[in-house]
Amino acid sequence: METTLNTLKAITVTLFVGGYLYLLTKLVIYTVTTSSDGLVWVLMIGGGAVLLSLVMALAAAVLQPALWLLAAVVLGVVALVKRCRRTRV
């Protein structure tokens, strides 16, 4: 069961980090293509990164109960599969 929880945690972290990096990359591309001043790049990318970090932290806090429910469902399914395998042998 611990392996299942670690796998689920790794998938969740990968999705959050991947989403963060994707959105940050889109922000950088947008900033570089719309302006030519270095100071604007620093301000837009830096401010966008801070804002994106706050939004991702809020999303993680809001989605945490749903993730706990998903973990409980996954553990329940794993337990049922293990029990079925034991009764067949």
Protein backbone atom coordinates (compact mmCIF):
# COMPACT_ATOMS: atom_id res chain seq x y z
CA MET A 1 0.00 0.00 0.00
CA GLU A 2 2.87 2.34 0.72
CA THR A 3 4.16 1.84 -2.82
CA THR A 4 0.77 2.78 -4.20
CA LEU A 5 0.67 5.98 -2.15
CA ASN A 6 4.20 6.91 -3.20
CA THR A 7 3.32 6.33 -6.85
CA LEU A 8 0.18 8.44 -6.54
CA LYS A 9 2.17 11.18 -4.81
CA ALA A 10 4.81 11.11 -7.55
CA ILE A 11 2.16 11.37 -10.27
CA THR A 12 0.47 14.29 -8.50
CA VAL A 13 3.73 16.18 -8.00
CA THR A 14 4.69 15.53 -11.62
CA LEU A 15 1.38 16.95 -12.83
CA PHE A 16 1.68 20.07 -10.68
CA VAL A 17 5.32 20.72 -11.62
CA GLY A 18 4.62 20.02 -15.28
CA GLY A 19 1.69 22.42 -15.28
CA TYR A 20 3.75 25.08 -13.53
CA LEU A 21 6.64 24.75 -15.97
CA TYR A 22 4.30 24.75 -18.97
CA LEU A 23 2.54 27.93 -17.84
CA LEU A 24 5.84 29.61 -16.95
CA THR A 25 7.24 28.73 -20.39
CA LYS A 26 4.15 30.18 -22.07
CA LEU A 27 4.62 33.37 -20.01
CA VAL A 28 8.27 33.67 -21.02
CA ILE A 29 7.47 33.13 -24.70
CA TYR A 30 4.68 35.72 -24.56
CA THR A 31 6.92 38.23 -22.77
CA VAL A 32 9.82 37.84 -25.16
CA THR A 33 7.65 38.11 -28.27
CA THR A 34 5.67 41.15 -27.13
CA SER A 35 8.46 43.41 -25.83
CA SER A 36 12.10 44.13 -26.52
CA ASP A 37 13.12 45.85 -23.28
CA GLY A 38 15.08 43.77 -20.76
CA LEU A 39 13.53 45.49 -17.76
CA VAL A 40 10.05 44.63 -18.99
CA TRP A 41 11.14 41.02 -19.36
CA VAL A 42 12.39 40.92 -15.79
CA LEU A 43 9.27 42.55 -14.38
CA MET A 44 6.77 40.50 -16.40
CA ILE A 45 8.51 37.17 -15.93
CA GLY A 46 9.32 37.79 -12.25
CA GLY A 47 5.85 39.08 -11.42
CA GLY A 48 4.23 36.32 -13.44
CA ALA A 49 6.29 33.67 -11.68
CA VAL A 50 5.29 35.01 -8.26
CA LEU A 51 1.63 35.20 -9.25
CA LEU A 52 1.74 31.74 -10.80
CA SER A 53 3.35 30.34 -7.64
CA LEU A 54 0.56 31.82 -5.51
CA VAL A 55 -2.13 30.42 -7.82
CA MET A 56 -0.55 26.96 -7.81
CA ALA A 57 -0.29 26.99 -4.01
CA LEU A 58 -3.96 27.96 -3.77
CA ALA A 59 -4.92 25.25 -6.25
CA ALA A 60 -2.97 22.66 -4.25
CA ALA A 61 -4.72 23.74 -1.05
CA VAL A 62 -8.15 23.60 -2.68
CA LEU A 63 -7.52 20.25 -4.38
CA GLN A 64 -6.01 18.56 -1.33
CA PRO A 65 -9.31 17.02 -0.07
CA ALA A 66 -10.00 15.64 -3.54
CA LEU A 67 -6.51 14.15 -3.65
CA TRP A 68 -7.06 12.47 -0.26
CA LEU A 69 -10.33 11.02 -1.55
CA LEU A 70 -8.59 9.78 -4.69
CA ALA A 71 -5.87 8.19 -2.54
CA ALA A 72 -8.51 6.43 -0.43
CA VAL A 73 -10.27 5.09 -3.54
CA VAL A 74 -6.99 3.88 -5.05
CA LEU A 75 -6.00 2.16 -1.80
CA GLY A 76 -9.41 0.52 -1.61
CA VAL A 77 -9.11 -0.82 -5.14
CA VAL A 78 -5.58 -2.09 -4.46
CA ALA A 79 -6.76 -3.82 -1.28
CA LEU A 80 -9.63 -5.50 -3.14
CA VAL A 81 -7.33 -6.68 -5.91
CA LYS A 82 -4.85 -8.12 -3.39
CA ARG A 83 -7.66 -9.85 -1.52
CA CYS A 84 -9.04 -11.38 -4.72
CA ARG A 85 -5.59 -12.65 -5.66
CA ARG A 86 -5.15 -14.25 -2.23
CA THR A 87 -8.49 -16.09 -2.39
CA ARG A 88 -7.73 -17.55 -5.83
CA VAL A 89 -4.41 -19.05 -4.81
